[in-house]
C-alpha atoms as a PDB file:
ATOM      1  CA  MET A   1       0.495 -16.313  -3.093  1.00  0.00           C
ATOM      2  CA  ASN A   2      -2.439 -18.083  -1.507  1.00  0.00           C
ATOM      3  CA  ARG A   3      -4.491 -17.259   1.596  1.00  0.00           C
ATOM      4  CA  SER A   4      -2.142 -18.982   4.059  1.00  0.00           C
ATOM      5  CA  ASP A   5       0.893 -17.259   2.481  1.00  0.00           C
ATOM      6  CA  LEU A   6      -0.861 -13.901   2.868  1.00  0.00           C
ATOM      7  CA  ILE A   7      -1.677 -14.609   6.502  1.00  0.00           C
ATOM      8  CA  GLY A   8       1.918 -15.651   7.197  1.00  0.00           C
ATOM      9  CA  GLU A   9       3.314 -12.552   5.465  1.00  0.00           C
ATOM     10  CA  LEU A  10       1.034 -10.196   7.401  1.00  0.00           C
ATOM     11  CA  ALA A  11       1.743 -11.965  10.706  1.00  0.00           C
ATOM     12  CA  ALA A  12       5.477 -11.542  10.063  1.00  0.00           C
ATOM     13  CA  ARG A  13       5.099  -7.828   9.257  1.00  0.00           C
ATOM     14  CA  PHE A  14       2.867  -7.058  12.244  1.00  0.00           C
ATOM     15  CA  VAL A  15       4.593  -8.771  15.164  1.00  0.00           C
ATOM     16  CA  ASN A  16       2.080  -7.323  17.641  1.00  0.00           C
ATOM     17  CA  LEU A  17      -0.692  -9.439  16.046  1.00  0.00           C
ATOM     18  CA  THR A  18      -0.975 -13.164  16.600  1.00  0.00           C
ATOM     19  CA  LYS A  19      -1.340 -15.454  13.637  1.00  0.00           C
ATOM     20  CA  ASN A  20      -4.937 -16.167  14.717  1.00  0.00           C
ATOM     21  CA  ASP A  21      -5.721 -12.427  14.782  1.00  0.00           C
ATOM     22  CA  THR A  22      -4.181 -12.014  11.349  1.00  0.00           C
ATOM     23  CA  GLU A  23      -6.135 -14.987   9.993  1.00  0.00           C
ATOM     24  CA  PHE A  24      -9.365 -13.549  11.426  1.00  0.00           C
ATOM     25  CA  ALA A  25      -8.675 -10.142   9.828  1.00  0.00           C
ATOM     26  CA  VAL A  26      -7.882 -11.623   6.398  1.00  0.00           C
ATOM     27  CA  ASN A  27     -10.915 -13.914   6.470  1.00  0.00           C
ATOM     28  CA  THR A  28     -13.181 -11.041   7.562  1.00  0.00           C
ATOM     29  CA  LEU A  29     -11.907  -8.827   4.740  1.00  0.00           C
ATOM     30  CA  LEU A  30     -12.298 -11.525   2.087  1.00  0.00           C
ATOM     31  CA  ASP A  31     -15.777 -12.442   3.353  1.00  0.00           C
ATOM     32  CA  ALA A  32     -16.835  -8.780   3.188  1.00  0.00           C
ATOM     33  CA  LEU A  33     -15.521  -8.502  -0.386  1.00  0.00           C
ATOM     34  CA  GLN A  34     -17.337 -11.688  -1.376  1.00  0.00           C
ATOM     35  CA  ASP A  35     -20.611 -10.574   0.222  1.00  0.00           C
ATOM     36  CA  ALA A  36     -20.458  -7.216  -1.572  1.00  0.00           C
ATOM     37  CA  LEU A  37     -19.808  -8.845  -4.953  1.00  0.00           C
ATOM     38  CA  VAL A  38     -22.595 -11.402  -4.452  1.00  0.00           C
ATOM     39  CA  ALA A  39     -24.932  -8.481  -3.722  1.00  0.00           C
ATOM     40  CA  GLY A  40     -23.854  -6.918  -7.040  1.00  0.00           C
ATOM     41  CA  HIS A  41     -21.843  -4.017  -5.594  1.00  0.00           C
ATOM     42  CA  HIS A  42     -18.758  -2.452  -7.152  1.00  0.00           C
ATOM     43  CA  ILE A  43     -15.598  -2.474  -4.994  1.00  0.00           C
ATOM     44  CA  GLU A  44     -12.817   0.052  -5.538  1.00  0.00           C
ATOM     45  CA  ILE A  45      -9.546   0.042  -3.613  1.00  0.00           C
ATOM     46  CA  ARG A  46      -7.577   3.114  -4.681  1.00  0.00           C
ATOM     47  CA  GLY A  47      -4.122   2.272  -5.996  1.00  0.00           C
ATOM     48  CA  PHE A  48      -4.879  -1.454  -6.080  1.00  0.00           C
ATOM     49  CA  GLY A  49      -7.863  -1.924  -8.375  1.00  0.00           C
ATOM     50  CA  SER A  50     -11.573  -2.479  -8.657  1.00  0.00           C
ATOM     51  CA  PHE A  51     -13.829  -5.509  -8.649  1.00  0.00           C
ATOM     52  CA  SER A  52     -17.183  -5.610 -10.381  1.00  0.00           C
ATOM     53  CA  VAL A  53     -19.757  -8.193 -11.369  1.00  0.00           C
ATOM     54  CA  THR A  54     -20.540  -8.416 -15.070  1.00  0.00           C
ATOM     55  CA  HIS A  55     -23.395 -10.216 -16.779  1.00  0.00           C
ATOM     56  CA  ARG A  56     -22.744 -12.573 -19.659  1.00  0.00           C
ATOM     57  CA  ALA A  57     -25.756 -13.232 -21.855  1.00  0.00           C
ATOM     58  CA  ALA A  58     -26.770 -16.722 -22.939  1.00  0.00           C
ATOM     59  CA  ARG A  59     -25.240 -17.778 -26.230  1.00  0.00           C
ATOM     60  CA  ILE A  60     -24.686 -20.697 -28.541  1.00  0.00           C
ATOM     61  CA  GLY A  61     -21.200 -22.178 -28.178  1.00  0.00           C
ATOM     62  CA  ARG A  62     -19.491 -25.002 -29.983  1.00  0.00           C
ATOM     63  CA  ASN A  63     -18.100 -28.238 -28.570  1.00  0.00           C
ATOM     64  CA  PRO A  64     -14.467 -28.245 -29.792  1.00  0.00           C
ATOM     65  CA  ARG A  65     -14.306 -32.047 -29.933  1.00  0.00           C
ATOM     66  CA  SER A  66     -17.439 -32.805 -31.903  1.00  0.00           C
ATOM     67  CA  GLY A  67     -18.183 -29.408 -33.435  1.00  0.00           C
ATOM     68  CA  GLU A  68     -21.831 -29.566 -32.382  1.00  0.00           C
ATOM     69  CA  SER A  69     -23.650 -26.496 -31.079  1.00  0.00           C
ATOM     70  CA  VAL A  70     -24.127 -26.225 -27.316  1.00  0.00           C
ATOM     71  CA  ALA A  71     -26.334 -23.786 -25.407  1.00  0.00           C
ATOM     72  CA  VAL A  72     -24.245 -21.802 -22.912  1.00  0.00           C
ATOM     73  CA  PRO A  73     -26.482 -20.336 -20.173  1.00  0.00           C
ATOM     74  CA  GLU A  74     -26.273 -16.742 -18.955  1.00  0.00           C
ATOM     75  CA  LYS A  75     -24.101 -16.123 -15.926  1.00  0.00           C
ATOM     76  CA  ARG A  76     -22.541 -13.468 -13.755  1.00  0.00           C
ATOM     77  CA  THR A  77     -18.777 -13.281 -13.437  1.00  0.00           C
ATOM     78  CA  VAL A  78     -16.328 -11.185 -11.420  1.00  0.00           C
ATOM     79  CA  ARG A  79     -14.075  -8.750 -13.236  1.00  0.00           C
ATOM     80  CA  PHE A  80     -10.905  -7.234 -11.741  1.00  0.00           C
ATOM     81  CA  LYS A  81      -9.342  -4.112 -13.205  1.00  0.00           C
ATOM     82  CA  PRO A  82      -5.954  -3.199 -11.705  1.00  0.00           C
ATOM     83  CA  GLY A  83      -5.394   0.367 -10.542  1.00  0.00           C
ATOM     84  CA  LYS A  84      -2.755   2.653 -11.990  1.00  0.00           C
ATOM     85  CA  ALA A  85      -0.277   2.164  -9.116  1.00  0.00           C
ATOM     86  CA  LEU A  86      -0.549  -1.638  -9.360  1.00  0.00           C
ATOM     87  CA  ARG A  87      -0.156  -1.588 -13.161  1.00  0.00           C
ATOM     88  CA  GLU A  88       2.927   0.611 -12.906  1.00  0.00           C
ATOM     89  CA  ALA A  89       4.469  -1.498 -10.124  1.00  0.00           C
ATOM     90  CA  ALA A  90       3.874  -4.709 -12.074  1.00  0.00           C
ATOM     91  CA  ASP A  91       5.309  -3.118 -15.225  1.00  0.00           C
ATOM     92  CA  LEU A  92       8.453  -2.009 -13.378  1.00  0.00           C
ATOM     93  CA  ASN A  93       8.949  -5.478 -11.906  1.00  0.00           C
ATOM     94  CA  SER A  94       8.492  -7.207 -15.264  1.00  0.00           C
ATOM     95  CA  SER A  95      11.136  -5.002 -16.915  1.00  0.00           C
ATOM     96  CA  LYS A  96      13.653  -5.836 -14.148  1.00  0.00           C
ATOM     97  CA  SER A  97      13.383  -9.580 -14.777  1.00  0.00           C
ATOM     98  CA  ASP A  98      14.009  -9.289 -18.534  1.00  0.00           C
END
């Protein structure tokens, strides 16, 4: 599901909202999440999961083609950890498709 699919799904569920209102709400929510993560905050949505920013230290990597050593700079990356309810729901759905 991408952003436009999410907006369409929410607009279909909430018939009292226009598609433009739904798009504004989704974009506002995603912008707020992005701003919080850029600022280094931890985001927790109970039942869904949590987002956090982790720091990866600089290291020496290896070019798989040539085998030569390459310096990999330090960076920050976003980590998502699913909540218990989401893990259980995903586990139930995966066992149904088997």
